[in-house]
Amino acid sequence: MKKIQSNLHYFEISKNNQEKSLDDFYVFDEKHPDLNKYIKNTKEIKNILITIRTLQRKKEKTAVINKYFIELSKIIGKFSNCSEFACFVNACDNIIDEAKNEINLLKKITNRYFAKRVLNEMAPEEWMQAILDNNSSRKKGKCGENKLIHILKKQGFKEVFDWDDFFKTDYCVVKFSKKFSLKNVRKKLDIKIETKKQNKTLDLIIKAKDKILLCEAKHLNTSGGGQDKQISELIEILGLTEKNGVSYISFLDGKYSNVLLSDNGYGDKITTQRKEINKFLKNNPDNYWVNTAGFESLISDLK
C-alpha cells in the first residue's frame, strides 16, 4: 500500500480535474431494445380510441362502447407509457395504472382526450424514442456505484457478495444490500453510521487490508431543491466519525461537481456549501470529498 495522502490532497486533485461533459457511465444513447413493442402498443391504443370515438359519434349503444373501453383497459400495460394517451393521463393528475383499473375514470379521461387533443393513427419511431430518451434519467440510480466499482476493479479490488469473502479478501468492495444491511454492517464492523436519518444506507463498503471506507456516491448536473438535499447528505456524511478509524467518502460527479469545486462565484448557497465541506475535511482528516479524479487517486494510493 502506498502512503495515503491527506484528505485535502485528494480534494485538490478533484478541484484541479473537472468532470467530463460526457461520461459514458451516465449516457444512454442506444435505441431502446423494446422500442418496437412500445410502437406496437401505442398503435393498438390509438386504434381502440379511434373505434370508441367513431362509435360515440354514431350514437352506438352504451353496452357496445363499453366493450371497447374494457379492451382499452386490457391493452394498457408495460409498454403504454410512451403513448400520447398515457402522457395525457399524467396531464390529468393521474397515472396510467389507475386509469387502467378504474373504468369510470378511464372513460372520463378518454372523453377529455377526445375534446382536448388530436387523435391520429401515427406512431413515429423517433417520437417514441424521444420519450424514452427523456425518461433515461431514471436509469441512473446505480450508475455511480457501477462506475466506482469499475474504477476499483481496475485497481485490483474484487467485488464480493458475502461476509466470508469480505473478511478473507484483502482488497474488495461490496454494495449495501439485504446481506450487507445497515444493521449487519454496524454489527460486523462495530461502527455507528450515525446519520440524522437513522435507517439511511450508504452505497459501497471498500476494504483495503485493515482499512475500511464507507462511500456515498451521487451524480448531479443541476442545482435546485432536490439537489440541495443530496449535497446536504454528502456534507453530513463528511462529518461522521468512528472510534476505530473507519473513513467516509463523499463522492460527487456530474456538472454540479465542477461548480461546487470551483474557487468562487455561483452565489451564497454554493459558497456556504464550499465552506462546510472545507470545515469538515479539516475537522475529520480520515474522511474524503472527491470527484472521479480524486477517487481514482485515493484508490490508487490504497493499493
Protein backbone atom coordinates (compact mmCIF):
# COMPACT_ATOMS: atom_id res chain seq x y z
CA MET A 1 0.00 0.00 0.00
CA LYS A 2 1.29 3.43 -0.93
CA LYS A 3 1.40 6.23 1.59
CA ILE A 4 -2.06 7.73 1.90
CA GLN A 5 -2.06 11.49 1.49
CA SER A 6 -4.21 13.95 3.45
CA ASN A 7 -7.87 14.31 2.51
CA LEU A 8 -7.08 17.86 1.33
CA HIS A 9 -4.61 16.38 -1.17
CA TYR A 10 -7.36 14.34 -2.88
CA PHE A 11 -9.72 17.31 -2.61
CA GLU A 12 -7.20 19.44 -4.51
CA ILE A 13 -6.84 16.74 -7.17
CA SER A 14 -10.62 16.80 -7.52
CA LYS A 15 -10.67 20.59 -7.83
CA ASN A 16 -7.96 20.54 -10.50
CA ASN A 17 -9.54 17.79 -12.61
CA GLN A 18 -13.10 18.60 -13.59
CA GLU A 19 -15.71 16.07 -14.61
CA LYS A 20 -16.15 15.38 -18.32
CA SER A 21 -19.14 16.87 -20.14
CA LEU A 22 -20.00 13.39 -21.37
CA ASP A 23 -19.47 10.48 -19.02
CA ASP A 24 -20.22 7.12 -20.66
CA PHE A 25 -21.44 5.67 -17.36
CA TYR A 26 -24.45 8.03 -17.49
CA VAL A 27 -25.08 8.08 -21.26
CA PHE A 28 -27.93 6.01 -22.75
CA ASP A 29 -27.65 6.76 -26.46
CA GLU A 30 -28.63 3.38 -27.91
CA LYS A 31 -32.14 2.82 -29.20
CA HIS A 32 -34.36 1.23 -26.58
CA PRO A 33 -34.33 -2.57 -27.09
CA ASP A 34 -38.15 -2.70 -26.71
CA LEU A 35 -38.85 0.27 -29.00
CA ASN A 36 -40.94 -1.83 -31.42
CA LYS A 37 -43.08 -3.10 -28.54
CA TYR A 38 -43.79 0.48 -27.47
CA ILE A 39 -44.72 1.39 -31.05
CA LYS A 40 -47.00 -1.65 -31.42
CA ASN A 41 -48.79 -1.00 -28.15
CA THR A 42 -49.24 2.70 -28.92
CA LYS A 43 -50.83 1.83 -32.28
CA GLU A 44 -53.18 -0.61 -30.56
CA ILE A 45 -54.25 2.07 -28.06
CA LYS A 46 -54.83 4.55 -30.90
CA ASN A 47 -56.92 2.06 -32.88
CA ILE A 48 -59.19 1.36 -29.92
CA LEU A 49 -59.53 5.07 -29.16
CA ILE A 50 -60.46 5.76 -32.78
CA THR A 51 -63.06 2.99 -32.61
CA ILE A 52 -64.55 4.39 -29.39
CA ARG A 53 -64.72 7.90 -30.81
CA THR A 54 -66.34 6.64 -34.03
CA LEU A 55 -68.95 4.63 -32.11
CA GLN A 56 -69.71 7.63 -29.89
CA ARG A 57 -70.25 9.85 -32.94
CA LYS A 58 -72.59 7.25 -34.43
CA LYS A 59 -74.51 7.16 -31.14
CA GLU A 60 -73.92 3.45 -30.75
CA LYS A 61 -75.36 1.66 -27.74
CA THR A 62 -73.51 2.17 -24.45
CA ALA A 63 -73.06 -1.57 -23.97
CA VAL A 64 -71.19 -1.83 -27.27
CA ILE A 65 -68.94 1.15 -26.47
CA ASN A 66 -68.22 -0.25 -23.01
CA LYS A 67 -66.77 -3.40 -24.59
CA TYR A 68 -64.10 -1.26 -26.25
CA PHE A 69 -63.35 0.57 -23.01
CA ILE A 70 -62.72 -2.85 -21.48
CA GLU A 71 -60.44 -3.68 -24.43
CA LEU A 72 -58.63 -0.37 -23.89
CA SER A 73 -58.15 -1.24 -20.23
CA LYS A 74 -56.71 -4.65 -21.18
CA ILE A 75 -54.29 -3.28 -23.77
CA ILE A 76 -52.82 -0.68 -21.42
CA GLY A 77 -49.72 -2.14 -19.80
CA LYS A 78 -45.95 -2.23 -19.57
CA PHE A 79 -45.33 -0.65 -22.99
CA SER A 80 -48.03 2.03 -22.84
CA ASN A 81 -46.26 4.88 -21.07
CA CYS A 82 -44.91 6.37 -24.31
CA SER A 83 -48.31 6.76 -25.95
CA GLU A 84 -49.87 10.21 -26.25
CA PHE A 85 -52.83 8.87 -24.26
CA ALA A 86 -50.64 7.80 -21.31
CA CYS A 87 -48.96 11.21 -21.31
CA PHE A 88 -52.41 12.83 -21.28
CA VAL A 89 -53.39 10.67 -18.29
CA ASN A 90 -50.45 12.24 -16.45
CA ALA A 91 -51.64 15.69 -17.52
CA CYS A 92 -54.96 14.84 -15.86
CA ASP A 93 -53.23 14.33 -12.50
CA ASN A 94 -53.48 10.54 -12.68
CA ILE A 95 -51.24 7.61 -13.50
CA ILE A 96 -51.84 5.09 -16.26
CA ASP A 97 -52.26 2.11 -13.90
CA GLU A 98 -55.07 3.84 -12.02
CA ALA A 99 -56.87 4.72 -15.23
CA LYS A 100 -56.42 1.14 -16.45
CA ASN A 101 -58.03 -0.33 -13.34
CA GLU A 102 -60.91 2.14 -12.94
CA ILE A 103 -63.21 2.02 -15.98
CA ASN A 104 -65.21 5.10 -14.98
CA LEU A 105 -62.01 7.12 -14.59
CA LEU A 106 -60.76 5.73 -17.91
CA LYS A 107 -63.96 6.88 -19.61
CA LYS A 108 -63.73 10.40 -18.16
CA ILE A 109 -60.11 10.83 -19.18
CA THR A 110 -60.78 9.38 -22.65
CA ASN A 111 -63.60 11.85 -23.28
CA ARG A 112 -61.36 14.71 -22.15
CA TYR A 113 -58.69 13.41 -24.51
CA PHE A 114 -61.11 13.47 -27.44
CA ALA A 115 -62.06 17.07 -26.59
CA LYS A 116 -58.58 18.44 -25.93
CA ARG A 117 -56.16 16.53 -28.18
CA VAL A 118 -55.70 15.48 -31.81
CA LEU A 119 -56.17 11.75 -32.37
CA ASN A 120 -54.49 10.09 -35.35
CA GLU A 121 -53.07 6.70 -36.29
CA MET A 122 -49.43 7.75 -36.47
CA ALA A 123 -46.85 6.38 -34.02
CA PRO A 124 -43.48 7.62 -35.30
CA GLU A 125 -40.43 5.68 -34.13
CA GLU A 126 -38.42 8.84 -33.47
CA TRP A 127 -41.22 10.28 -31.33
CA MET A 128 -41.38 7.12 -29.20
CA GLN A 129 -37.61 7.04 -28.81
CA ALA A 130 -37.63 10.72 -27.80
CA ILE A 131 -39.98 9.98 -24.89
CA LEU A 132 -37.81 7.04 -23.82
CA ASP A 133 -34.72 9.27 -24.06
CA ASN A 134 -36.45 11.86 -21.90
CA ASN A 135 -37.04 9.19 -19.25
CA SER A 136 -33.45 7.92 -19.36
CA SER A 137 -32.53 9.78 -16.15
CA ARG A 138 -34.48 7.13 -14.24
CA LYS A 139 -31.85 4.58 -15.26
CA LYS A 140 -29.07 6.45 -13.49
CA GLY A 141 -29.79 5.30 -9.95
CA LYS A 142 -26.99 2.73 -9.69
CA CYS A 143 -24.67 4.18 -12.36
CA GLY A 144 -22.48 5.95 -9.80
CA GLU A 145 -21.97 2.74 -7.82
CA ASN A 146 -21.16 0.81 -11.00
CA LYS A 147 -18.68 3.48 -12.08
CA LEU A 148 -16.83 3.36 -8.75
CA ILE A 149 -16.78 -0.44 -8.74
CA HIS A 150 -15.33 -0.30 -12.26
CA ILE A 151 -12.55 2.01 -11.02
CA LEU A 152 -11.90 -0.24 -8.03
CA LYS A 153 -11.69 -3.36 -10.18
CA LYS A 154 -9.15 -1.67 -12.45
CA GLN A 155 -7.00 -1.19 -9.34
CA GLY A 156 -7.29 -4.86 -8.37
CA PHE A 157 -10.19 -4.70 -5.92
CA LYS A 158 -12.64 -7.60 -6.06
CA GLU A 159 -16.39 -7.21 -5.77
CA VAL A 160 -17.66 -9.69 -3.19
CA PHE A 161 -21.15 -10.65 -2.14
CA ASP A 162 -20.97 -12.24 1.32
CA TRP A 163 -19.28 -11.57 4.64
CA ASP A 164 -16.90 -14.55 4.48
CA ASP A 165 -15.36 -13.29 1.25
CA PHE A 166 -15.31 -9.75 2.59
CA PHE A 167 -13.28 -10.67 5.65
CA LYS A 168 -10.83 -13.00 3.88
CA THR A 169 -10.17 -10.72 0.88
CA ASP A 170 -7.55 -8.00 1.37
CA TYR A 171 -8.84 -5.67 -1.34
CA CYS A 172 -12.56 -5.78 -2.05
CA VAL A 173 -15.78 -3.79 -2.38
CA VAL A 174 -19.42 -4.59 -1.61
CA LYS A 175 -22.69 -2.82 -2.19
CA PHE A 176 -25.06 -2.20 0.69
CA SER A 177 -27.75 -4.83 0.25
CA LYS A 178 -30.01 -7.16 2.20
CA LYS A 179 -26.99 -9.20 3.28
CA PHE A 180 -24.96 -6.05 3.90
CA SER A 181 -27.81 -4.23 5.60
CA LEU A 182 -27.26 -1.26 7.88
CA LYS A 183 -27.90 -3.45 10.92
CA ASN A 184 -25.42 -6.11 9.79
CA VAL A 185 -22.76 -3.58 8.78
CA ARG A 186 -22.97 -1.84 12.15
CA LYS A 187 -22.66 -5.15 13.98
CA LYS A 188 -19.98 -6.82 11.84
CA LEU A 189 -17.74 -3.74 11.55
CA ASP A 190 -18.51 -2.30 15.01
CA ILE A 191 -19.45 1.12 13.64
CA LYS A 192 -22.28 3.59 14.28
CA ILE A 193 -23.08 5.31 10.94
CA GLU A 194 -24.96 7.97 12.89
CA THR A 195 -26.74 9.91 10.17
CA LYS A 196 -29.76 12.07 11.00
CA LYS A 197 -31.87 9.62 9.04
CA GLN A 198 -31.30 6.54 11.19
CA ASN A 199 -32.09 3.94 8.55
CA LYS A 200 -30.20 5.56 5.70
CA THR A 201 -27.83 3.16 3.95
CA LEU A 202 -24.80 4.26 2.01
CA ASP A 203 -23.66 2.82 -1.33
CA LEU A 204 -20.35 0.97 -1.00
CA ILE A 205 -18.01 -0.55 1.57
CA ILE A 206 -14.39 -0.58 0.43
CA LYS A 207 -11.79 -2.70 2.19
CA ALA A 208 -8.04 -2.23 1.71
CA LYS A 209 -6.43 -4.70 4.11
CA ASP A 210 -7.15 -3.25 7.58
CA LYS A 211 -8.69 -0.02 6.29
CA ILE A 212 -12.46 0.32 5.80
CA LEU A 213 -14.06 3.15 3.82
CA LEU A 214 -17.81 3.73 3.55
CA CYS A 215 -18.82 5.56 0.38
CA GLU A 216 -21.87 7.52 -0.70
CA ALA A 217 -22.00 8.35 -4.42
CA LYS A 218 -24.15 10.98 -6.11
CA HIS A 219 -24.36 12.32 -9.66
CA LEU A 220 -25.74 15.85 -10.12
CA ASN A 221 -25.92 18.01 -13.22
CA THR A 222 -28.10 20.88 -11.96
CA SER A 223 -28.83 22.75 -8.75
CA GLY A 224 -32.20 23.03 -7.04
CA GLY A 225 -34.21 21.89 -4.05
CA GLY A 226 -33.75 18.14 -4.55
CA GLN A 227 -30.10 18.58 -5.40
CA ASP A 228 -29.50 20.75 -2.33
CA LYS A 229 -30.85 17.93 -0.18
CA GLN A 230 -28.42 15.48 -1.78
CA ILE A 231 -25.47 17.83 -1.25
CA SER A 232 -26.53 18.21 2.39
CA GLU A 233 -26.50 14.42 2.75
CA LEU A 234 -22.97 14.23 1.34
CA ILE A 235 -21.80 17.01 3.66
CA GLU A 236 -23.39 15.25 6.63
CA ILE A 237 -21.53 12.03 5.77
CA LEU A 238 -18.30 14.01 5.62
CA GLY A 239 -18.90 14.97 9.26
CA LEU A 240 -19.35 11.41 10.58
CA THR A 241 -16.67 9.83 12.74
CA GLU A 242 -15.98 6.31 14.00
CA LYS A 243 -13.91 5.24 17.01
CA ASN A 244 -11.99 2.59 15.03
CA GLY A 245 -10.72 4.86 12.27
CA VAL A 246 -13.24 3.88 9.60
CA SER A 247 -13.29 6.52 6.86
CA TYR A 248 -16.18 8.05 4.94
CA ILE A 249 -16.07 9.07 1.28
CA SER A 250 -18.48 11.61 -0.17
CA PHE A 251 -18.30 11.16 -3.93
CA LEU A 252 -19.90 13.65 -6.31
CA ASP A 253 -19.59 13.71 -10.08
CA GLY A 254 -21.57 15.44 -12.84
CA LYS A 255 -21.53 19.08 -13.88
CA TYR A 256 -22.64 20.30 -10.45
CA SER A 257 -19.42 18.90 -9.00
CA ASN A 258 -17.45 21.28 -11.26
CA VAL A 259 -19.50 24.20 -9.97
CA LEU A 260 -19.07 23.21 -6.35
CA LEU A 261 -15.32 22.66 -6.66
CA SER A 262 -14.62 25.94 -8.45
CA ASP A 263 -12.97 28.68 -6.39
CA ASN A 264 -15.67 31.32 -6.44
CA GLY A 265 -18.93 32.54 -7.89
CA TYR A 266 -22.36 30.94 -8.25
CA GLY A 267 -23.98 32.62 -5.24
CA ASP A 268 -24.28 32.43 -1.47
CA LYS A 269 -25.69 28.90 -1.34
CA ILE A 270 -22.70 27.42 -3.18
CA THR A 271 -20.30 29.48 -1.06
CA THR A 272 -21.89 28.09 2.12
CA GLN A 273 -21.64 24.52 0.83
CA ARG A 274 -17.96 25.02 -0.02
CA LYS A 275 -17.24 26.39 3.47
CA GLU A 276 -18.97 23.41 5.11
CA ILE A 277 -17.04 20.91 3.00
CA ASN A 278 -13.72 22.56 3.83
CA LYS A 279 -14.60 22.73 7.53
CA PHE A 280 -15.45 19.03 7.76
CA LEU A 281 -12.39 17.99 5.77
CA LYS A 282 -10.16 19.85 8.23
CA ASN A 283 -12.03 18.58 11.30
CA ASN A 284 -12.21 14.95 10.07
CA PRO A 285 -8.89 14.07 8.40
CA ASP A 286 -9.95 10.45 7.81
CA ASN A 287 -12.86 11.45 5.58
CA TYR A 288 -12.76 12.40 1.90
CA TRP A 289 -14.69 14.53 -0.58
CA VAL A 290 -13.77 13.51 -4.12
CA ASN A 291 -14.86 13.54 -7.72
CA THR A 292 -13.74 10.95 -10.30
CA ALA A 293 -10.09 12.04 -10.44
CA GLY A 294 -9.84 12.35 -6.66
CA PHE A 295 -11.40 8.93 -6.15
CA GLU A 296 -9.06 7.31 -8.68
CA SER A 297 -6.05 8.83 -6.95
CA LEU A 298 -7.23 7.76 -3.50
CA ILE A 299 -7.91 4.19 -4.61
CA SER A 300 -4.54 4.01 -6.34
CA ASP A 301 -2.83 5.02 -3.09
CA LEU A 302 -4.84 2.47 -1.11
CA LYS A 303 -3.35 -0.30 -3.25
